[in-house]
Each structure stands twice: as C-alpha cells, then as structure tokens.
Amino acid sequence: MSTTEMVWFKSSHSGSEGASCVEVATSPITVHVRDSKEIQGPRLALSPASWTGFISYAATQA
C-alpha cells in the first residue's frame, strides 16, 4: 500500500485553527506521520513498537 492510498486522520490534539496539524496513517507494519498542511512534504515511518514508545513518552510531557 502506498502512502497516497492510506487513510490519514488528524490527531485529536491538533489545533482547531490548523496551527498544529499532525496526521497519522497506519498499515500492518508501519505507522506514518505527516504535517497536514504539507501533505507532500516529509513523512515519518515508524515501527508499531517505536510509535508506542513515542506516544507513551509524549503522554508524560503533556
């Protein structure tokens, strides 16, 4: 599955005014992250384990 065929969804923590828009798409082996304001720009591709570690860390920083 290419990243253009993926279903992207916006983070529930993204700003309602479009200031901080993070989008995520998942596949069985990768979690993809991008800036919704720059959909053709750089993207991160993380393993599910790395994504889980990131989310756990980010939750403690809020």
PDB file of N, CA and C in Angstrom:
ATOM      1  N   MET A   1       0.844  -1.172   0.000  1.00  0.00           N
ATOM      2  CA  MET A   1       0.000   0.000   0.000  1.00  0.00           C
ATOM      3  C   MET A   1       0.892   1.239   0.000  1.00  0.00           C
ATOM      4  N   SER A   2       0.682   2.145  -0.929  1.00  0.00           N
ATOM      5  CA  SER A   2       1.473   3.368  -0.967  1.00  0.00           C
ATOM      6  C   SER A   2       0.885   4.388  -0.007  1.00  0.00           C
ATOM      7  N   THR A   3       1.679   5.409   0.335  1.00  0.00           N
ATOM      8  CA  THR A   3       1.200   6.410   1.282  1.00  0.00           C
ATOM      9  C   THR A   3       0.080   7.257   0.707  1.00  0.00           C
ATOM     10  N   THR A   4      -0.090   7.279  -0.612  1.00  0.00           N
ATOM     11  CA  THR A   4      -1.207   8.027  -1.197  1.00  0.00           C
ATOM     12  C   THR A   4      -2.508   7.261  -1.083  1.00  0.00           C
ATOM     13  N   GLU A   5      -2.456   5.939  -0.923  1.00  0.00           N
ATOM     14  CA  GLU A   5      -3.657   5.118  -0.777  1.00  0.00           C
ATOM     15  C   GLU A   5      -4.084   4.970   0.677  1.00  0.00           C
ATOM     16  N   MET A   6      -3.276   5.432   1.590  1.00  0.00           N
ATOM     17  CA  MET A   6      -3.559   5.268   3.009  1.00  0.00           C
ATOM     18  C   MET A   6      -4.655   6.221   3.461  1.00  0.00           C
ATOM     19  N   VAL A   7      -5.317   5.831   4.527  1.00  0.00           N
ATOM     20  CA  VAL A   7      -6.330   6.679   5.137  1.00  0.00           C
ATOM     21  C   VAL A   7      -5.653   7.453   6.263  1.00  0.00           C
ATOM     22  N   TRP A   8      -5.537   8.756   6.085  1.00  0.00           N
ATOM     23  CA  TRP A   8      -4.892   9.620   7.064  1.00  0.00           C
ATOM     24  C   TRP A   8      -5.951  10.212   7.985  1.00  0.00           C
ATOM     25  N   PHE A   9      -5.617  10.341   9.270  1.00  0.00           N
ATOM     26  CA  PHE A   9      -6.521  11.002  10.195  1.00  0.00           C
ATOM     27  C   PHE A   9      -5.741  11.993  11.046  1.00  0.00           C
ATOM     28  N   LYS A  10      -6.422  13.073  11.406  1.00  0.00           N
ATOM     29  CA  LYS A  10      -5.791  14.141  12.159  1.00  0.00           C
ATOM     30  C   LYS A  10      -5.794  13.807  13.644  1.00  0.00           C
ATOM     31  N   SER A  11      -4.733  14.176  14.306  1.00  0.00           N
ATOM     32  CA  SER A  11      -4.635  13.993  15.741  1.00  0.00           C
ATOM     33  C   SER A  11      -5.739  14.762  16.452  1.00  0.00           C
ATOM     34  N   SER A  12      -6.300  14.182  17.485  1.00  0.00           N
ATOM     35  CA  SER A  12      -7.319  14.880  18.270  1.00  0.00           C
ATOM     36  C   SER A  12      -6.718  16.051  19.041  1.00  0.00           C
ATOM     37  N   HIS A  13      -5.400  16.117  19.114  1.00  0.00           N
ATOM     38  CA  HIS A  13      -4.722  17.209  19.811  1.00  0.00           C
ATOM     39  C   HIS A  13      -4.273  18.312  18.864  1.00  0.00           C
ATOM     40  N   SER A  14      -4.562  18.197  17.583  1.00  0.00           N
ATOM     41  CA  SER A  14      -4.197  19.243  16.641  1.00  0.00           C
ATOM     42  C   SER A  14      -5.065  20.467  16.886  1.00  0.00           C
ATOM     43  N   GLY A  15      -4.503  21.613  16.669  1.00  0.00           N
ATOM     44  CA  GLY A  15      -5.235  22.854  16.881  1.00  0.00           C
ATOM     45  C   GLY A  15      -6.432  22.979  15.962  1.00  0.00           C
ATOM     46  N   SER A  16      -7.530  23.487  16.479  1.00  0.00           N
ATOM     47  CA  SER A  16      -8.744  23.632  15.674  1.00  0.00           C
ATOM     48  C   SER A  16      -8.591  24.690  14.606  1.00  0.00           C
ATOM     49  N   GLU A  17      -7.612  25.571  14.756  1.00  0.00           N
ATOM     50  CA  GLU A  17      -7.375  26.627  13.774  1.00  0.00           C
ATOM     51  C   GLU A  17      -6.325  26.229  12.746  1.00  0.00           C
ATOM     52  N   GLY A  18      -5.905  24.988  12.755  1.00  0.00           N
ATOM     53  CA  GLY A  18      -4.949  24.498  11.772  1.00  0.00           C
ATOM     54  C   GLY A  18      -3.499  24.788  12.091  1.00  0.00           C
ATOM     55  N   ALA A  19      -3.229  25.241  13.298  1.00  0.00           N
ATOM     56  CA  ALA A  19      -1.859  25.615  13.646  1.00  0.00           C
ATOM     57  C   ALA A  19      -0.933  24.415  13.815  1.00  0.00           C
ATOM     58  N   SER A  20      -1.396  23.371  14.433  1.00  0.00           N
ATOM     59  CA  SER A  20      -0.548  22.217  14.735  1.00  0.00           C
ATOM     60  C   SER A  20      -1.246  20.951  14.286  1.00  0.00           C
ATOM     61  N   CYS A  21      -1.193  20.671  13.018  1.00  0.00           N
ATOM     62  CA  CYS A  21      -1.953  19.548  12.471  1.00  0.00           C
ATOM     63  C   CYS A  21      -1.056  18.366  12.145  1.00  0.00           C
ATOM     64  N   VAL A  22      -1.164  17.351  12.953  1.00  0.00           N
ATOM     65  CA  VAL A  22      -0.431  16.115  12.732  1.00  0.00           C
ATOM     66  C   VAL A  22      -1.426  15.080  12.240  1.00  0.00           C
ATOM     67  N   GLU A  23      -1.068  14.382  11.168  1.00  0.00           N
ATOM     68  CA  GLU A  23      -1.905  13.307  10.649  1.00  0.00           C
ATOM     69  C   GLU A  23      -1.147  11.994  10.727  1.00  0.00           C
ATOM     70  N   VAL A  24      -1.900  10.923  10.934  1.00  0.00           N
ATOM     71  CA  VAL A  24      -1.324   9.590  11.082  1.00  0.00           C
ATOM     72  C   VAL A  24      -2.080   8.630  10.177  1.00  0.00           C
ATOM     73  N   ALA A  25      -1.361   7.701   9.590  1.00  0.00           N
ATOM     74  CA  ALA A  25      -1.953   6.595   8.824  1.00  0.00           C
ATOM     75  C   ALA A  25      -1.227   5.330   9.243  1.00  0.00           C
ATOM     76  N   THR A  26      -1.964   4.253   9.352  1.00  0.00           N
ATOM     77  CA  THR A  26      -1.342   3.005   9.792  1.00  0.00           C
ATOM     78  C   THR A  26      -1.453   1.917   8.739  1.00  0.00           C
ATOM     79  N   SER A  27      -0.486   1.045   8.762  1.00  0.00           N
ATOM     80  CA  SER A  27      -0.514  -0.177   7.976  1.00  0.00           C
ATOM     81  C   SER A  27      -0.107  -1.282   8.951  1.00  0.00           C
ATOM     82  N   PRO A  28      -0.177  -2.519   8.551  1.00  0.00           N
ATOM     83  CA  PRO A  28       0.168  -3.595   9.500  1.00  0.00           C
ATOM     84  C   PRO A  28       1.592  -3.514  10.070  1.00  0.00           C
ATOM     85  N   ILE A  29       2.525  -2.940   9.316  1.00  0.00           N
ATOM     86  CA  ILE A  29       3.912  -2.939   9.795  1.00  0.00           C
ATOM     87  C   ILE A  29       4.500  -1.549  10.015  1.00  0.00           C
ATOM     88  N   THR A  30       3.748  -0.476   9.711  1.00  0.00           N
ATOM     89  CA  THR A  30       4.296   0.874   9.803  1.00  0.00           C
ATOM     90  C   THR A  30       3.234   1.867  10.243  1.00  0.00           C
ATOM     91  N   VAL A  31       3.668   2.840  11.037  1.00  0.00           N
ATOM     92  CA  VAL A  31       2.830   3.986  11.375  1.00  0.00           C
ATOM     93  C   VAL A  31       3.457   5.190  10.675  1.00  0.00           C
ATOM     94  N   HIS A  32       2.676   5.866   9.841  1.00  0.00           N
ATOM     95  CA  HIS A  32       3.156   7.022   9.081  1.00  0.00           C
ATOM     96  C   HIS A  32       2.636   8.298   9.723  1.00  0.00           C
ATOM     97  N   VAL A  33       3.499   9.333   9.784  1.00  0.00           N
ATOM     98  CA  VAL A  33       3.137  10.606  10.391  1.00  0.00           C
ATOM     99  C   VAL A  33       3.520  11.710   9.421  1.00  0.00           C
ATOM    100  N   ARG A  34       2.622  12.714   9.271  1.00  0.00           N
ATOM    101  CA  ARG A  34       2.922  13.844   8.391  1.00  0.00           C
ATOM    102  C   ARG A  34       2.260  15.114   8.933  1.00  0.00           C
ATOM    103  N   ASP A  35       2.663  16.235   8.380  1.00  0.00           N
ATOM    104  CA  ASP A  35       2.070  17.539   8.669  1.00  0.00           C
ATOM    105  C   ASP A  35       0.922  17.738   7.686  1.00  0.00           C
ATOM    106  N   SER A  36      -0.284  17.936   8.183  1.00  0.00           N
ATOM    107  CA  SER A  36      -1.444  18.038   7.292  1.00  0.00           C
ATOM    108  C   SER A  36      -1.400  19.279   6.424  1.00  0.00           C
ATOM    109  N   LYS A  37      -0.618  20.273   6.812  1.00  0.00           N
ATOM    110  CA  LYS A  37      -0.503  21.484   5.994  1.00  0.00           C
ATOM    111  C   LYS A  37       0.462  21.297   4.832  1.00  0.00           C
ATOM    112  N   GLU A  38       1.224  20.217   4.862  1.00  0.00           N
ATOM    113  CA  GLU A  38       2.229  19.952   3.829  1.00  0.00           C
ATOM    114  C   GLU A  38       2.198  18.458   3.489  1.00  0.00           C
ATOM    115  N   ILE A  39       1.080  18.028   2.891  1.00  0.00           N
ATOM    116  CA  ILE A  39       0.868  16.590   2.701  1.00  0.00           C
ATOM    117  C   ILE A  39       1.861  15.939   1.745  1.00  0.00           C
ATOM    118  N   GLN A  40       2.494  16.701   0.890  1.00  0.00           N
ATOM    119  CA  GLN A  40       3.517  16.137   0.012  1.00  0.00           C
ATOM    120  C   GLN A  40       4.913  16.287   0.596  1.00  0.00           C
ATOM    121  N   GLY A  41       4.995  16.860   1.787  1.00  0.00           N
ATOM    122  CA  GLY A  41       6.280  17.092   2.442  1.00  0.00           C
ATOM    123  C   GLY A  41       6.820  15.845   3.115  1.00  0.00           C
ATOM    124  N   PRO A  42       7.803  16.028   3.979  1.00  0.00           N
ATOM    125  CA  PRO A  42       8.428  14.896   4.663  1.00  0.00           C
ATOM    126  C   PRO A  42       7.439  14.123   5.527  1.00  0.00           C
ATOM    127  N   ARG A  43       7.690  12.843   5.649  1.00  0.00           N
ATOM    128  CA  ARG A  43       6.866  11.961   6.479  1.00  0.00           C
ATOM    129  C   ARG A  43       7.781  11.083   7.307  1.00  0.00           C
ATOM    130  N   LEU A  44       7.275  10.723   8.460  1.00  0.00           N
ATOM    131  CA  LEU A  44       7.972   9.754   9.300  1.00  0.00           C
ATOM    132  C   LEU A  44       7.323   8.400   9.108  1.00  0.00           C
ATOM    133  N   ALA A  45       8.120   7.359   9.126  1.00  0.00           N
ATOM    134  CA  ALA A  45       7.615   5.987   9.079  1.00  0.00           C
ATOM    135  C   ALA A  45       8.221   5.259  10.265  1.00  0.00           C
ATOM    136  N   LEU A  46       7.363   4.833  11.177  1.00  0.00           N
ATOM    137  CA  LEU A  46       7.817   4.211  12.415  1.00  0.00           C
ATOM    138  C   LEU A  46       7.280   2.796  12.539  1.00  0.00           C
ATOM    139  N   SER A  47       8.030   1.971  13.234  1.00  0.00           N
ATOM    140  CA  SER A  47       7.513   0.636  13.565  1.00  0.00           C
ATOM    141  C   SER A  47       6.434   0.819  14.624  1.00  0.00           C
ATOM    142  N   PRO A  48       5.503  -0.115  14.731  1.00  0.00           N
ATOM    143  CA  PRO A  48       4.491  -0.005  15.790  1.00  0.00           C
ATOM    144  C   PRO A  48       5.109   0.111  17.187  1.00  0.00           C
ATOM    145  N   ALA A  49       6.206  -0.586  17.446  1.00  0.00           N
ATOM    146  CA  ALA A  49       6.862  -0.507  18.756  1.00  0.00           C
ATOM    147  C   ALA A  49       7.431   0.894  18.998  1.00  0.00           C
ATOM    148  N   SER A  50       8.039   1.487  17.985  1.00  0.00           N
ATOM    149  CA  SER A  50       8.571   2.846  18.124  1.00  0.00           C
ATOM    150  C   SER A  50       7.449   3.847  18.338  1.00  0.00           C
ATOM    151  N   TRP A  51       6.350   3.684  17.617  1.00  0.00           N
ATOM    152  CA  TRP A  51       5.196   4.574  17.766  1.00  0.00           C
ATOM    153  C   TRP A  51       4.640   4.476  19.192  1.00  0.00           C
ATOM    154  N   THR A  52       4.522   3.270  19.710  1.00  0.00           N
ATOM    155  CA  THR A  52       4.019   3.076  21.072  1.00  0.00           C
ATOM    156  C   THR A  52       4.934   3.766  22.083  1.00  0.00           C
ATOM    157  N   GLY A  53       6.235   3.624  21.884  1.00  0.00           N
ATOM    158  CA  GLY A  53       7.191   4.286  22.775  1.00  0.00           C
ATOM    159  C   GLY A  53       7.064   5.797  22.699  1.00  0.00           C
ATOM    160  N   PHE A  54       6.911   6.326  21.501  1.00  0.00           N
ATOM    161  CA  PHE A  54       6.752   7.770  21.331  1.00  0.00           C
ATOM    162  C   PHE A  54       5.491   8.264  22.020  1.00  0.00           C
ATOM    163  N   ILE A  55       4.379   7.587  21.800  1.00  0.00           N
ATOM    164  CA  ILE A  55       3.103   8.002  22.398  1.00  0.00           C
ATOM    165  C   ILE A  55       3.193   7.945  23.925  1.00  0.00           C
ATOM    166  N   SER A  56       3.798   6.906  24.458  1.00  0.00           N
ATOM    167  CA  SER A  56       3.969   6.802  25.913  1.00  0.00           C
ATOM    168  C   SER A  56       4.779   7.980  26.448  1.00  0.00           C
ATOM    169  N   TYR A  57       5.854   8.317  25.753  1.00  0.00           N
ATOM    170  CA  TYR A  57       6.684   9.447  26.164  1.00  0.00           C
ATOM    171  C   TYR A  57       5.919  10.759  26.048  1.00  0.00           C
ATOM    172  N   ALA A  58       5.270  10.982  24.913  1.00  0.00           N
ATOM    173  CA  ALA A  58       4.541  12.232  24.685  1.00  0.00           C
ATOM    174  C   ALA A  58       3.434  12.431  25.713  1.00  0.00           C
ATOM    175  N   ALA A  59       2.776  11.379  26.132  1.00  0.00           N
ATOM    176  CA  ALA A  59       1.696  11.472  27.114  1.00  0.00           C
ATOM    177  C   ALA A  59       2.208  11.984  28.457  1.00  0.00           C
ATOM    178  N   THR A  60       3.460  11.692  28.775  1.00  0.00           N
ATOM    179  CA  THR A  60       4.006  12.149  30.056  1.00  0.00           C
ATOM    180  C   THR A  60       4.461  13.596  29.984  1.00  0.00           C
ATOM    181  N   GLN A  61       4.561  14.148  28.790  1.00  0.00           N
ATOM    182  CA  GLN A  61       5.047  15.520  28.610  1.00  0.00           C
ATOM    183  C   GLN A  61       3.916  16.536  28.563  1.00  0.00           C
ATOM    184  N   ALA A  62       2.683  16.071  28.482  1.00  0.00           N
ATOM    185  CA  ALA A  62       1.539  16.982  28.347  1.00  0.00           C
ATOM    186  C   ALA A  62       1.193  17.670  29.631  1.00  0.00           C
TER     187      ALA A  62
END
